[in-house]
Protein backbone atom coordinates (compact mmCIF):
# COMPACT_ATOMS: atom_id res chain seq x y z
CA UNK A 1 10.72 40.91 -6.32
CA UNK A 2 8.88 38.10 -4.51
CA UNK A 3 9.23 37.49 -0.81
CA UNK A 4 8.15 34.84 1.66
CA UNK A 5 5.91 36.30 4.35
CA UNK A 6 4.20 34.79 7.37
CA UNK A 7 0.43 34.48 6.92
CA UNK A 8 -1.27 37.77 7.70
CA UNK A 9 -4.81 39.10 7.81
CA UNK A 10 -3.57 42.13 5.84
CA UNK A 11 -3.64 39.97 2.69
CA UNK A 12 -7.15 38.58 3.14
CA UNK A 13 -8.55 39.88 -0.17
CA UNK A 14 -5.39 38.97 -2.09
CA UNK A 15 -5.44 35.46 -0.60
CA UNK A 16 -9.11 35.03 -1.51
CA UNK A 17 -8.32 36.10 -5.06
CA UNK A 18 -5.65 33.39 -5.27
CA UNK A 19 -7.95 30.78 -3.70
CA UNK A 20 -10.74 31.68 -6.12
CA UNK A 21 -8.35 31.19 -9.02
CA UNK A 22 -7.57 27.65 -7.79
CA UNK A 23 -11.22 27.00 -7.16
CA UNK A 24 -12.82 26.83 -3.71
CA UNK A 25 -12.60 23.40 -2.18
CA UNK A 26 -9.61 22.32 -4.26
CA UNK A 27 -6.54 21.19 -2.33
CA UNK A 28 -3.56 23.49 -2.68
CA UNK A 29 -0.53 22.46 -0.68
CA UNK A 30 1.55 24.92 1.30
CA UNK A 31 -1.28 26.84 2.97
CA UNK A 32 -2.32 24.55 5.83
CA UNK A 33 -5.97 25.03 4.95
CA UNK A 34 -8.22 22.38 6.46
CA UNK A 35 -11.75 21.38 5.50
CA UNK A 36 -13.18 23.02 8.62
CA UNK A 37 -11.39 26.36 8.09
CA UNK A 38 -13.78 29.17 7.14
CA UNK A 39 -11.73 31.82 5.38
CA UNK A 40 -14.28 33.96 3.53
CA UNK A 41 -15.26 36.19 6.47
CA UNK A 42 -12.70 38.46 8.15
CA UNK A 43 -13.25 36.69 11.48
CA UNK A 44 -12.89 33.22 9.98
CA UNK A 45 -9.78 34.26 8.08
CA UNK A 46 -8.28 35.79 11.25
CA UNK A 47 -8.98 32.57 13.17
CA UNK A 48 -7.26 30.52 10.44
CA UNK A 49 -4.22 32.84 10.36
CA UNK A 50 -4.05 32.61 14.19
CA UNK A 51 -4.07 28.79 13.99
CA UNK A 52 -1.23 28.87 11.48
CA UNK A 53 0.74 31.15 13.82
CA UNK A 54 0.08 28.74 16.72
CA UNK A 55 1.44 25.85 14.64
CA UNK A 56 4.52 27.79 13.53
CA UNK A 57 7.91 26.65 14.73
CA UNK A 58 9.52 23.27 15.23
CA UNK A 59 7.90 22.67 18.65
CA UNK A 60 4.59 24.51 18.28
CA UNK A 61 1.00 23.50 17.91
CA UNK A 62 -1.24 20.86 19.36
CA UNK A 63 -2.02 19.17 16.04
CA UNK A 64 1.24 17.27 15.72
CA UNK A 65 1.84 19.30 12.57
CA UNK A 66 4.36 21.88 13.78
CA UNK A 67 5.23 23.83 10.68
CA UNK A 68 6.51 27.08 9.23
CA UNK A 69 3.99 28.56 6.80
CA UNK A 70 5.02 31.20 4.29
CA UNK A 71 3.10 32.90 1.52
CA UNK A 72 4.81 33.76 -1.74
CA UNK A 73 3.96 37.42 -2.18
CA UNK A 74 4.89 40.18 -4.58
CA UNK A 75 3.51 43.56 -3.57
CA UNK A 76 -0.06 42.78 -2.52
CA UNK A 77 -0.42 39.72 -4.78
CA UNK A 78 -0.38 36.25 -3.24
CA UNK A 79 1.26 33.89 -5.74
CA UNK A 80 1.23 30.78 -3.58
CA UNK A 81 2.23 29.18 -0.33
CA UNK A 82 4.97 26.94 1.00
CA UNK A 83 5.17 25.01 4.26
CA UNK A 84 8.09 23.43 6.10
CA UNK A 85 6.85 20.65 8.38
CA UNK A 86 8.96 19.36 11.26
CA UNK A 87 9.73 15.91 12.54
CA UNK A 88 9.17 12.58 10.85
CA UNK A 89 5.68 11.63 12.00
CA UNK A 90 3.02 9.80 9.96
CA UNK A 91 1.76 13.07 8.45
CA UNK A 92 5.24 14.07 7.23
CA UNK A 93 5.91 10.57 5.93
CA UNK A 94 2.71 10.78 3.86
CA UNK A 95 2.85 14.41 2.67
CA UNK A 96 6.52 15.37 3.05
CA UNK A 97 8.44 17.97 5.04
CA UNK A 98 7.78 20.60 2.39
CA UNK A 99 4.60 21.31 0.47
CA UNK A 100 3.97 24.18 -1.90
CA UNK A 101 1.53 25.47 -4.45
CA UNK A 102 1.52 28.30 -6.99
CA UNK A 103 -1.71 29.81 -8.33
CA UNK A 104 -2.28 29.01 -12.02
CA UNK A 105 -1.69 32.55 -13.36
CA UNK A 106 1.67 32.75 -11.54
CA UNK A 107 3.10 29.45 -12.76
CA UNK A 108 6.04 29.06 -15.15
CA UNK A 109 7.83 32.08 -13.66
CA UNK A 110 10.24 30.14 -11.44
CA UNK A 111 8.41 31.09 -8.23
CA UNK A 112 8.23 27.51 -6.90
CA UNK A 113 11.93 26.98 -7.56
CA UNK A 114 12.75 30.29 -5.86
CA UNK A 115 10.48 29.59 -2.85
CA UNK A 116 11.79 26.04 -2.41
CA UNK A 117 15.35 27.41 -2.31
CA UNK A 118 14.38 29.91 0.40
CA UNK A 119 12.56 27.33 2.54
CA UNK A 120 15.52 24.94 2.20
CA UNK A 121 17.64 27.78 3.66
CA UNK A 122 15.25 27.84 6.64
CA UNK A 123 15.56 24.05 6.99
CA UNK A 124 19.35 24.39 6.90
CA UNK A 125 19.24 27.05 9.63
CA UNK A 126 17.29 24.56 11.78
CA UNK A 127 20.04 21.94 11.24
CA UNK A 128 17.80 19.54 9.33
CA UNK A 129 19.98 17.11 7.40
CA UNK A 130 17.44 16.02 4.80
CA UNK A 131 13.83 16.62 3.84
CA UNK A 132 11.15 14.61 2.09
CA UNK A 133 9.08 16.23 -0.66
CA UNK A 134 6.10 14.49 -2.24
CA UNK A 135 4.35 15.46 -5.48
CA UNK A 136 1.68 13.92 -7.66
CA UNK A 137 3.23 11.51 -10.15
CA UNK A 138 2.00 13.51 -13.16
CA UNK A 139 3.11 16.92 -11.81
CA UNK A 140 6.23 17.16 -13.94
CA UNK A 141 6.75 20.86 -13.17
CA UNK A 142 6.96 20.10 -9.45
CA UNK A 143 9.24 17.11 -10.05
CA UNK A 144 11.55 19.35 -12.08
CA UNK A 145 11.55 21.97 -9.30
CA UNK A 146 12.46 19.36 -6.68
CA UNK A 147 15.17 17.83 -8.88
CA UNK A 148 16.61 21.32 -9.51
CA UNK A 149 17.34 21.49 -5.77
CA UNK A 150 18.98 18.06 -5.66
CA UNK A 151 15.92 15.90 -4.99
CA UNK A 152 16.62 12.18 -5.35
CA UNK A 153 13.64 10.02 -6.24
CA UNK A 154 12.98 7.38 -3.58
CA UNK A 155 10.10 5.93 -5.56
CA UNK A 156 6.38 6.21 -6.24
CA UNK A 157 3.71 5.29 -3.69
CA UNK A 158 -0.06 5.28 -3.71
CA UNK A 159 -1.64 7.95 -1.50
CA UNK A 160 -5.18 9.12 -0.79
CA UNK A 161 -4.65 11.66 -3.63
CA UNK A 162 -3.34 9.05 -6.09
CA UNK A 163 0.20 7.95 -6.95
CA UNK A 164 2.92 10.29 -5.71
CA UNK A 165 6.64 10.69 -6.30
CA UNK A 166 8.76 10.78 -3.14
CA UNK A 167 11.99 12.75 -3.20
CA UNK A 168 14.68 13.29 -0.56
CA UNK A 169 16.86 16.39 -0.58
CA UNK A 170 20.05 16.29 1.47
CA UNK A 171 20.72 19.67 3.02
């Protein structure tokens, strides 16, 4: 049974295995990984996990990206990540309140749909009334996941990653 867990150094090797499956350097939403994060060494990984912890919570962090990060884990296998971002700043308006990614070998199992439902429960507990979710225009699996949870298409906009669908989910 999968669970959402806070980022932890305990899963360093499992996380690296997932990252290597995506391909180093490729963007995978939901993890909060930045271009300057060094995650291969234990110390670098620990520093990254500590930064994520500092940014966790609706009023945390100095980056303006207060967020709850969760990894989608089953046993010691990291399937993906999901993030709930707070507020309605420029970053959230561009990338959405919620971002997620599932490693290729774990796709088509319903994990994204399951994880999105759990993170929407967290948003509900924080009294958020609606959330924005953005996905690449050709990512039909993600669009279907969002629509499954009541996402209403606002439209398509150009972004730095190409055209993206913008959905609002009323909580």
